[in-house]
Structures are given as C-alpha cells and as structure tokens.
Amino acid sequence: MEREKQTSQDLATLCVELVEEREQLLCDIEMLKAEEAQEFKDLKELVRSLRNSSQTSSKARLKGQKTEKEVLLQTVTDTKRKVTMIEWEQR
C-alpha cells in the first residue's frame, strides 16, 4: 500500500514536471517564432538596402560613363578641328 502511494506521488510529481516542461517548451517556441519573424524582417530590409545600393551604384557608374563619353567626344571634336586648321594652314 505504501509503495502504491509512493508510486502515485512520483507519478503526480512527474506529471507536474512534464506540464511545466511543456509550458516552457511552448514559451520557447513562441520566442523562436518571434525571433524568426524579426530575422526575416531584417533580411528583407537588408535585401531592399542592397538593391537600392546596387541601383545607386549603377546610376553613378552610368553617369560617370556618360561624362567620360562626353569628354572623349569633345576631345575628338577638338582634335578634328585642330587637324583641319593645320591642314588649312599648310595649303
């Protein structure tokens, strides 16, 4: 009889411990879900930022190429003008 009483108490204690552990696990799951959601949000922000940075960089590169092209075109035009003047002077 005493043994059954002890076993019953042990089972009750085990049951309480299991319920507490379950509650802790549920809390941990909720915390992990919240962390995952925040990490996903942060990752989306990072991707957006990288895209914006890439677009800005591309625009700056394109502008630099356009400016370089304009400078080269002006240099070619100036050189042609000088060649034409030299040819004219030699006549």
PDB file of N, CA and C in Angstrom:
ATOM      1  N   MET A   1       0.829  -1.194   0.000  1.00  0.00           N
ATOM      2  CA  MET A   1       0.000   0.000   0.000  1.00  0.00           C
ATOM      3  C   MET A   1       0.874   1.259   0.000  1.00  0.00           C
ATOM      4  N   GLU A   2       1.855   1.261   0.878  1.00  0.00           N
ATOM      5  CA  GLU A   2       2.779   2.405   0.964  1.00  0.00           C
ATOM      6  C   GLU A   2       3.503   2.594  -0.376  1.00  0.00           C
ATOM      7  N   ARG A   3       3.862   1.485  -0.970  1.00  0.00           N
ATOM      8  CA  ARG A   3       4.573   1.523  -2.251  1.00  0.00           C
ATOM      9  C   ARG A   3       3.690   2.135  -3.341  1.00  0.00           C
ATOM     10  N   GLU A   4       2.418   1.774  -3.363  1.00  0.00           N
ATOM     11  CA  GLU A   4       1.484   2.338  -4.341  1.00  0.00           C
ATOM     12  C   GLU A   4       1.293   3.828  -4.114  1.00  0.00           C
ATOM     13  N   LYS A   5       1.249   4.215  -2.860  1.00  0.00           N
ATOM     14  CA  LYS A   5       1.110   5.635  -2.511  1.00  0.00           C
ATOM     15  C   LYS A   5       2.330   6.404  -3.005  1.00  0.00           C
ATOM     16  N   GLN A   6       3.517   5.862  -2.805  1.00  0.00           N
ATOM     17  CA  GLN A   6       4.761   6.499  -3.252  1.00  0.00           C
ATOM     18  C   GLN A   6       4.777   6.582  -4.780  1.00  0.00           C
ATOM     19  N   THR A   7       4.374   5.499  -5.437  1.00  0.00           N
ATOM     20  CA  THR A   7       4.335   5.478  -6.899  1.00  0.00           C
ATOM     21  C   THR A   7       3.355   6.527  -7.415  1.00  0.00           C
ATOM     22  N   SER A   8       2.221   6.632  -6.753  1.00  0.00           N
ATOM     23  CA  SER A   8       1.212   7.619  -7.130  1.00  0.00           C
ATOM     24  C   SER A   8       1.762   9.040  -6.977  1.00  0.00           C
ATOM     25  N   GLN A   9       2.484   9.301  -5.881  1.00  0.00           N
ATOM     26  CA  GLN A   9       3.090  10.617  -5.661  1.00  0.00           C
ATOM     27  C   GLN A   9       4.165  10.897  -6.714  1.00  0.00           C
ATOM     28  N   ASP A  10       4.956   9.866  -7.003  1.00  0.00           N
ATOM     29  CA  ASP A  10       6.002  10.015  -8.025  1.00  0.00           C
ATOM     30  C   ASP A  10       5.385  10.349  -9.379  1.00  0.00           C
ATOM     31  N   LEU A  11       4.296   9.678  -9.710  1.00  0.00           N
ATOM     32  CA  LEU A  11       3.620   9.947 -10.980  1.00  0.00           C
ATOM     33  C   LEU A  11       3.020  11.349 -11.012  1.00  0.00           C
ATOM     34  N   ALA A  12       2.467  11.774  -9.886  1.00  0.00           N
ATOM     35  CA  ALA A  12       1.893  13.118  -9.803  1.00  0.00           C
ATOM     36  C   ALA A  12       2.994  14.160  -9.973  1.00  0.00           C
ATOM     37  N   THR A  13       4.132  13.922  -9.316  1.00  0.00           N
ATOM     38  CA  THR A  13       5.267  14.833  -9.431  1.00  0.00           C
ATOM     39  C   THR A  13       5.770  14.873 -10.877  1.00  0.00           C
ATOM     40  N   LEU A  14       5.880  13.709 -11.483  1.00  0.00           N
ATOM     41  CA  LEU A  14       6.325  13.613 -12.872  1.00  0.00           C
ATOM     42  C   LEU A  14       5.357  14.333 -13.800  1.00  0.00           C
ATOM     43  N   CYS A  15       4.072  14.177 -13.516  1.00  0.00           N
ATOM     44  CA  CYS A  15       3.051  14.838 -14.322  1.00  0.00           C
ATOM     45  C   CYS A  15       3.194  16.361 -14.235  1.00  0.00           C
ATOM     46  N   VAL A  16       3.388  16.879 -13.027  1.00  0.00           N
ATOM     47  CA  VAL A  16       3.580  18.322 -12.824  1.00  0.00           C
ATOM     48  C   VAL A  16       4.827  18.798 -13.564  1.00  0.00           C
ATOM     49  N   GLU A  17       5.912  18.038 -13.439  1.00  0.00           N
ATOM     50  CA  GLU A  17       7.153  18.400 -14.119  1.00  0.00           C
ATOM     51  C   GLU A  17       6.972  18.404 -15.636  1.00  0.00           C
ATOM     52  N   LEU A  18       6.265  17.435 -16.161  1.00  0.00           N
ATOM     53  CA  LEU A  18       6.027  17.366 -17.602  1.00  0.00           C
ATOM     54  C   LEU A  18       5.166  18.536 -18.090  1.00  0.00           C
ATOM     55  N   VAL A  19       4.166  18.893 -17.298  1.00  0.00           N
ATOM     56  CA  VAL A  19       3.320  20.038 -17.656  1.00  0.00           C
ATOM     57  C   VAL A  19       4.155  21.320 -17.661  1.00  0.00           C
ATOM     58  N   GLU A  20       5.009  21.481 -16.652  1.00  0.00           N
ATOM     59  CA  GLU A  20       5.872  22.668 -16.579  1.00  0.00           C
ATOM     60  C   GLU A  20       6.843  22.698 -17.774  1.00  0.00           C
ATOM     61  N   GLU A  21       7.401  21.529 -18.085  1.00  0.00           N
ATOM     62  CA  GLU A  21       8.331  21.461 -19.222  1.00  0.00           C
ATOM     63  C   GLU A  21       7.603  21.779 -20.530  1.00  0.00           C
ATOM     64  N   ARG A  22       6.376  21.289 -20.645  1.00  0.00           N
ATOM     65  CA  ARG A  22       5.580  21.583 -21.843  1.00  0.00           C
ATOM     66  C   ARG A  22       5.343  23.078 -21.966  1.00  0.00           C
ATOM     67  N   GLU A  23       4.978  23.704 -20.856  1.00  0.00           N
ATOM     68  CA  GLU A  23       4.737  25.154 -20.863  1.00  0.00           C
ATOM     69  C   GLU A  23       6.011  25.915 -21.259  1.00  0.00           C
ATOM     70  N   GLN A  24       7.147  25.472 -20.739  1.00  0.00           N
ATOM     71  CA  GLN A  24       8.424  26.107 -21.078  1.00  0.00           C
ATOM     72  C   GLN A  24       8.728  25.940 -22.570  1.00  0.00           C
ATOM     73  N   LEU A  25       8.472  24.744 -23.071  1.00  0.00           N
ATOM     74  CA  LEU A  25       8.708  24.493 -24.497  1.00  0.00           C
ATOM     75  C   LEU A  25       7.800  25.351 -25.375  1.00  0.00           C
ATOM     76  N   LEU A  26       6.556  25.508 -24.962  1.00  0.00           N
ATOM     77  CA  LEU A  26       5.634  26.369 -25.708  1.00  0.00           C
ATOM     78  C   LEU A  26       6.115  27.819 -25.712  1.00  0.00           C
ATOM     79  N   CYS A  27       6.612  28.278 -24.578  1.00  0.00           N
ATOM     80  CA  CYS A  27       7.166  29.635 -24.493  1.00  0.00           C
ATOM     81  C   CYS A  27       8.387  29.765 -25.407  1.00  0.00           C
ATOM     82  N   ASP A  28       9.249  28.747 -25.387  1.00  0.00           N
ATOM     83  CA  ASP A  28      10.436  28.755 -26.243  1.00  0.00           C
ATOM     84  C   ASP A  28      10.048  28.800 -27.720  1.00  0.00           C
ATOM     85  N   ILE A  29       9.022  28.042 -28.081  1.00  0.00           N
ATOM     86  CA  ILE A  29       8.559  28.035 -29.470  1.00  0.00           C
ATOM     87  C   ILE A  29       8.068  29.420 -29.877  1.00  0.00           C
ATOM     88  N   GLU A  30       7.299  30.058 -29.018  1.00  0.00           N
ATOM     89  CA  GLU A  30       6.802  31.402 -29.315  1.00  0.00           C
ATOM     90  C   GLU A  30       7.948  32.399 -29.462  1.00  0.00           C
ATOM     91  N   MET A  31       8.935  32.272 -28.578  1.00  0.00           N
ATOM     92  CA  MET A  31      10.091  33.159 -28.644  1.00  0.00           C
ATOM     93  C   MET A  31      10.857  32.940 -29.951  1.00  0.00           C
ATOM     94  N   LEU A  32      11.034  31.684 -30.328  1.00  0.00           N
ATOM     95  CA  LEU A  32      11.738  31.373 -31.573  1.00  0.00           C
ATOM     96  C   LEU A  32      10.972  31.880 -32.794  1.00  0.00           C
ATOM     97  N   LYS A  33       9.651  31.791 -32.748  1.00  0.00           N
ATOM     98  CA  LYS A  33       8.841  32.316 -33.847  1.00  0.00           C
ATOM     99  C   LYS A  33       9.013  33.825 -33.968  1.00  0.00           C
ATOM    100  N   ALA A  34       9.026  34.499 -32.828  1.00  0.00           N
ATOM    101  CA  ALA A  34       9.205  35.957 -32.836  1.00  0.00           C
ATOM    102  C   ALA A  34      10.593  36.317 -33.368  1.00  0.00           C
ATOM    103  N   GLU A  35      11.609  35.580 -32.947  1.00  0.00           N
ATOM    104  CA  GLU A  35      12.966  35.830 -33.438  1.00  0.00           C
ATOM    105  C   GLU A  35      13.052  35.584 -34.940  1.00  0.00           C
ATOM    106  N   GLU A  36      12.421  34.514 -35.392  1.00  0.00           N
ATOM    107  CA  GLU A  36      12.428  34.188 -36.820  1.00  0.00           C
ATOM    108  C   GLU A  36      11.757  35.301 -37.616  1.00  0.00           C
ATOM    109  N   ALA A  37      10.632  35.793 -37.117  1.00  0.00           N
ATOM    110  CA  ALA A  37       9.916  36.872 -37.799  1.00  0.00           C
ATOM    111  C   ALA A  37      10.792  38.126 -37.869  1.00  0.00           C
ATOM    112  N   GLN A  38      11.497  38.440 -36.789  1.00  0.00           N
ATOM    113  CA  GLN A  38      12.371  39.615 -36.772  1.00  0.00           C
ATOM    114  C   GLN A  38      13.540  39.428 -37.732  1.00  0.00           C
ATOM    115  N   GLU A  39      14.121  38.240 -37.743  1.00  0.00           N
ATOM    116  CA  GLU A  39      15.230  37.969 -38.652  1.00  0.00           C
ATOM    117  C   GLU A  39      14.772  38.066 -40.104  1.00  0.00           C
ATOM    118  N   PHE A  40      13.579  37.578 -40.394  1.00  0.00           N
ATOM    119  CA  PHE A  40      13.034  37.666 -41.749  1.00  0.00           C
ATOM    120  C   PHE A  40      12.830  39.125 -42.137  1.00  0.00           C
ATOM    121  N   LYS A  41      12.304  39.904 -41.196  1.00  0.00           N
ATOM    122  CA  LYS A  41      12.095  41.335 -41.441  1.00  0.00           C
ATOM    123  C   LYS A  41      13.440  42.026 -41.694  1.00  0.00           C
ATOM    124  N   ASP A  42      14.442  41.699 -40.880  1.00  0.00           N
ATOM    125  CA  ASP A  42      15.774  42.281 -41.048  1.00  0.00           C
ATOM    126  C   ASP A  42      16.387  41.884 -42.390  1.00  0.00           C
ATOM    127  N   LEU A  43      16.177  40.634 -42.771  1.00  0.00           N
ATOM    128  CA  LEU A  43      16.710  40.151 -44.047  1.00  0.00           C
ATOM    129  C   LEU A  43      16.041  40.868 -45.214  1.00  0.00           C
ATOM    130  N   LYS A  44      14.741  41.052 -45.139  1.00  0.00           N
ATOM    131  CA  LYS A  44      14.040  41.791 -46.198  1.00  0.00           C
ATOM    132  C   LYS A  44      14.579  43.219 -46.298  1.00  0.00           C
ATOM    133  N   GLU A  45      14.827  43.846 -45.168  1.00  0.00           N
ATOM    134  CA  GLU A  45      15.360  45.215 -45.148  1.00  0.00           C
ATOM    135  C   GLU A  45      16.759  45.240 -45.759  1.00  0.00           C
ATOM    136  N   LEU A  46      17.565  44.234 -45.430  1.00  0.00           N
ATOM    137  CA  LEU A  46      18.912  44.149 -45.987  1.00  0.00           C
ATOM    138  C   LEU A  46      18.865  43.988 -47.499  1.00  0.00           C
ATOM    139  N   VAL A  47      17.990  43.129 -47.987  1.00  0.00           N
ATOM    140  CA  VAL A  47      17.853  42.928 -49.436  1.00  0.00           C
ATOM    141  C   VAL A  47      17.416  44.234 -50.105  1.00  0.00           C
ATOM    142  N   ARG A  48      16.453  44.917 -49.513  1.00  0.00           N
ATOM    143  CA  ARG A  48      15.990  46.190 -50.061  1.00  0.00           C
ATOM    144  C   ARG A  48      17.130  47.202 -50.106  1.00  0.00           C
ATOM    145  N   SER A  49      17.881  47.253 -49.035  1.00  0.00           N
ATOM    146  CA  SER A  49      19.003  48.180 -48.954  1.00  0.00           C
ATOM    147  C   SER A  49      20.062  47.853 -50.002  1.00  0.00           C
ATOM    148  N   LEU A  50      20.362  46.567 -50.154  1.00  0.00           N
ATOM    149  CA  LEU A  50      21.352  46.167 -51.162  1.00  0.00           C
ATOM    150  C   LEU A  50      20.874  46.484 -52.569  1.00  0.00           C
ATOM    151  N   ARG A  51      19.598  46.283 -52.826  1.00  0.00           N
ATOM    152  CA  ARG A  51      19.048  46.620 -54.151  1.00  0.00           C
ATOM    153  C   ARG A  51      19.167  48.114 -54.415  1.00  0.00           C
ATOM    154  N   ASN A  52      18.802  48.920 -53.423  1.00  0.00           N
ATOM    155  CA  ASN A  52      18.902  50.373 -53.581  1.00  0.00           C
ATOM    156  C   ASN A  52      20.348  50.784 -53.810  1.00  0.00           C
ATOM    157  N   SER A  53      21.252  50.187 -53.047  1.00  0.00           N
ATOM    158  CA  SER A  53      22.673  50.498 -53.181  1.00  0.00           C
ATOM    159  C   SER A  53      23.168  50.119 -54.568  1.00  0.00           C
ATOM    160  N   SER A  54      22.742  48.973 -55.042  1.00  0.00           N
ATOM    161  CA  SER A  54      23.144  48.499 -56.370  1.00  0.00           C
ATOM    162  C   SER A  54      22.621  49.431 -57.446  1.00  0.00           C
ATOM    163  N   GLN A  55      21.361  49.862 -57.312  1.00  0.00           N
ATOM    164  CA  GLN A  55      20.776  50.775 -58.289  1.00  0.00           C
ATOM    165  C   GLN A  55      21.501  52.109 -58.273  1.00  0.00           C
ATOM    166  N   THR A  56      21.813  52.601 -57.077  1.00  0.00           N
ATOM    167  CA  THR A  56      22.529  53.872 -56.950  1.00  0.00           C
ATOM    168  C   THR A  56      23.908  53.757 -57.578  1.00  0.00           C
ATOM    169  N   SER A  57      24.571  52.643 -57.305  1.00  0.00           N
ATOM    170  CA  SER A  57      25.895  52.415 -57.864  1.00  0.00           C
ATOM    171  C   SER A  57      25.828  52.342 -59.383  1.00  0.00           C
ATOM    172  N   SER A  58      24.830  51.658 -59.900  1.00  0.00           N
ATOM    173  CA  SER A  58      24.671  51.542 -61.349  1.00  0.00           C
ATOM    174  C   SER A  58      24.407  52.907 -61.978  1.00  0.00           C
ATOM    175  N   LYS A  59      23.564  53.681 -61.335  1.00  0.00           N
ATOM    176  CA  LYS A  59      23.271  55.017 -61.850  1.00  0.00           C
ATOM    177  C   LYS A  59      24.524  55.888 -61.845  1.00  0.00           C
ATOM    178  N   ALA A  60      25.302  55.807 -60.765  1.00  0.00           N
ATOM    179  CA  ALA A  60      26.532  56.604 -60.676  1.00  0.00           C
ATOM    180  C   ALA A  60      27.527  56.152 -61.744  1.00  0.00           C
ATOM    181  N   ARG A  61      27.649  54.845 -61.946  1.00  0.00           N
ATOM    182  CA  ARG A  61      28.557  54.310 -62.963  1.00  0.00           C
ATOM    183  C   ARG A  61      28.121  54.777 -64.352  1.00  0.00           C
ATOM    184  N   LEU A  62      26.817  54.720 -64.613  1.00  0.00           N
ATOM    185  CA  LEU A  62      26.287  55.142 -65.906  1.00  0.00           C
ATOM    186  C   LEU A  62      26.528  56.631 -66.126  1.00  0.00           C
ATOM    187  N   LYS A  63      26.336  57.412 -65.082  1.00  0.00           N
ATOM    188  CA  LYS A  63      26.574  58.851 -65.187  1.00  0.00           C
ATOM    189  C   LYS A  63      28.055  59.118 -65.463  1.00  0.00           C
ATOM    190  N   GLY A  64      28.929  58.384 -64.769  1.00  0.00           N
ATOM    191  CA  GLY A  64      30.364  58.529 -64.998  1.00  0.00           C
ATOM    192  C   GLY A  64      30.751  58.147 -66.414  1.00  0.00           C
ATOM    193  N   GLN A  65      30.155  57.093 -66.931  1.00  0.00           N
ATOM    194  CA  GLN A  65      30.443  56.668 -68.300  1.00  0.00           C
ATOM    195  C   GLN A  65      29.946  57.701 -69.295  1.00  0.00           C
ATOM    196  N   LYS A  66      28.784  58.268 -69.005  1.00  0.00           N
ATOM    197  CA  LYS A  66      28.223  59.297 -69.888  1.00  0.00           C
ATOM    198  C   LYS A  66      29.137  60.523 -69.906  1.00  0.00           C
ATOM    199  N   THR A  67      29.601  60.925 -68.738  1.00  0.00           N
ATOM    200  CA  THR A  67      30.505  62.073 -68.646  1.00  0.00           C
ATOM    201  C   THR A  67      31.805  61.774 -69.383  1.00  0.00           C
ATOM    202  N   GLU A  68      32.340  60.575 -69.192  1.00  0.00           N
ATOM    203  CA  GLU A  68      33.573  60.183 -69.871  1.00  0.00           C
ATOM    204  C   GLU A  68      33.377  60.192 -71.382  1.00  0.00           C
ATOM    205  N   LYS A  69      32.233  59.714 -71.822  1.00  0.00           N
ATOM    206  CA  LYS A  69      31.935  59.706 -73.255  1.00  0.00           C
ATOM    207  C   LYS A  69      31.879  61.130 -73.791  1.00  0.00           C
ATOM    208  N   GLU A  70      31.247  62.023 -73.047  1.00  0.00           N
ATOM    209  CA  GLU A  70      31.147  63.419 -73.469  1.00  0.00           C
ATOM    210  C   GLU A  70      32.527  64.062 -73.566  1.00  0.00           C
ATOM    211  N   VAL A  71      33.382  63.766 -72.581  1.00  0.00           N
ATOM    212  CA  VAL A  71      34.742  64.309 -72.596  1.00  0.00           C
ATOM    213  C   VAL A  71      35.516  63.777 -73.803  1.00  0.00           C
ATOM    214  N   LEU A  72      35.407  62.471 -74.043  1.00  0.00           N
ATOM    215  CA  LEU A  72      36.097  61.885 -75.194  1.00  0.00           C
ATOM    216  C   LEU A  72      35.570  62.449 -76.508  1.00  0.00           C
ATOM    217  N   LEU A  73      34.270  62.618 -76.605  1.00  0.00           N
ATOM    218  CA  LEU A  73      33.676  63.200 -77.813  1.00  0.00           C
ATOM    219  C   LEU A  73      34.169  64.622 -78.028  1.00  0.00           C
ATOM    220  N   GLN A  74      34.250  65.387 -76.961  1.00  0.00           N
ATOM    221  CA  GLN A  74      34.748  66.767 -77.069  1.00  0.00           C
ATOM    222  C   GLN A  74      36.215  66.769 -77.479  1.00  0.00           C
ATOM    223  N   THR A  75      36.985  65.835 -76.927  1.00  0.00           N
ATOM    224  CA  THR A  75      38.401  65.733 -77.283  1.00  0.00           C
ATOM    225  C   THR A  75      38.560  65.378 -78.760  1.00  0.00           C
ATOM    226  N   VAL A  76      37.764  64.441 -79.236  1.00  0.00           N
ATOM    227  CA  VAL A  76      37.817  64.061 -80.652  1.00  0.00           C
ATOM    228  C   VAL A  76      37.429  65.253 -81.524  1.00  0.00           C
ATOM    229  N   THR A  77      36.388  65.954 -81.139  1.00  0.00           N
ATOM    230  CA  THR A  77      35.941  67.127 -81.897  1.00  0.00           C
ATOM    231  C   THR A  77      37.039  68.182 -81.935  1.00  0.00           C
ATOM    232  N   ASP A  78      37.664  68.456 -80.790  1.00  0.00           N
ATOM    233  CA  ASP A  78      38.754  69.436 -80.731  1.00  0.00           C
ATOM    234  C   ASP A  78      39.927  69.000 -81.595  1.00  0.00           C
ATOM    235  N   THR A  79      40.258  67.722 -81.545  1.00  0.00           N
ATOM    236  CA  THR A  79      41.376  67.201 -82.328  1.00  0.00           C
ATOM    237  C   THR A  79      41.080  67.330 -83.814  1.00  0.00           C
ATOM    238  N   LYS A  80      39.872  66.988 -84.229  1.00  0.00           N
ATOM    239  CA  LYS A  80      39.487  67.129 -85.639  1.00  0.00           C
ATOM    240  C   LYS A  80      39.600  68.586 -86.082  1.00  0.00           C
ATOM    241  N   ARG A  81      39.160  69.496 -85.231  1.00  0.00           N
ATOM    242  CA  ARG A  81      39.223  70.923 -85.548  1.00  0.00           C
ATOM    243  C   ARG A  81      40.681  71.350 -85.727  1.00  0.00           C
ATOM    244  N   LYS A  82      41.555  70.888 -84.838  1.00  0.00           N
ATOM    245  CA  LYS A  82      42.980  71.240 -84.927  1.00  0.00           C
ATOM    246  C   LYS A  82      43.595  70.673 -86.202  1.00  0.00           C
ATOM    247  N   VAL A  83      43.246  69.412 -86.521  1.00  0.00           N
ATOM    248  CA  VAL A  83      43.768  68.789 -87.740  1.00  0.00           C
ATOM    249  C   VAL A  83      43.299  69.574 -88.954  1.00  0.00           C
ATOM    250  N   THR A  84      42.045  69.962 -88.966  1.00  0.00           N
ATOM    251  CA  THR A  84      41.502  70.733 -90.078  1.00  0.00           C
ATOM    252  C   THR A  84      42.222  72.071 -90.200  1.00  0.00           C
ATOM    253  N   MET A  85      42.490  72.737 -89.068  1.00  0.00           N
ATOM    254  CA  MET A  85      43.200  74.029 -89.091  1.00  0.00           C
ATOM    255  C   MET A  85      44.624  73.867 -89.603  1.00  0.00           C
ATOM    256  N   ILE A  86      45.288  72.807 -89.164  1.00  0.00           N
ATOM    257  CA  ILE A  86      46.680  72.559 -89.597  1.00  0.00           C
ATOM    258  C   ILE A  86      46.686  72.286 -91.094  1.00  0.00           C
ATOM    259  N   GLU A  87      45.753  71.474 -91.557  1.00  0.00           N
ATOM    260  CA  GLU A  87      45.669  71.179 -92.992  1.00  0.00           C
ATOM    261  C   GLU A  87      45.415  72.456 -93.793  1.00  0.00           C
ATOM    262  N   TRP A  88      44.554  73.286 -93.278  1.00  0.00           N
ATOM    263  CA  TRP A  88      44.205  74.534 -93.966  1.00  0.00           C
ATOM    264  C   TRP A  88      45.420  75.474 -94.024  1.00  0.00           C
ATOM    265  N   GLU A  89      46.175  75.529 -92.874  1.00  0.00           N
ATOM    266  CA  GLU A  89      47.350  76.391 -92.812  1.00  0.00           C
ATOM    267  C   GLU A  89      48.435  75.892 -93.772  1.00  0.00           C
ATOM    268  N   GLN A  90      48.531  74.577 -93.981  1.00  0.00           N
ATOM    269  CA  GLN A  90      49.553  74.017 -94.849  1.00  0.00           C
ATOM    270  C   GLN A  90      49.255  74.292 -96.326  1.00  0.00           C
ATOM    271  N   ARG A  91      48.086  74.648 -96.688  1.00  0.00           N
ATOM    272  CA  ARG A  91      47.735  74.927 -98.062  1.00  0.00           C
ATOM    273  C   ARG A  91      48.157  76.271 -98.442  1.00  0.00           C
TER     274      ARG A  91
END
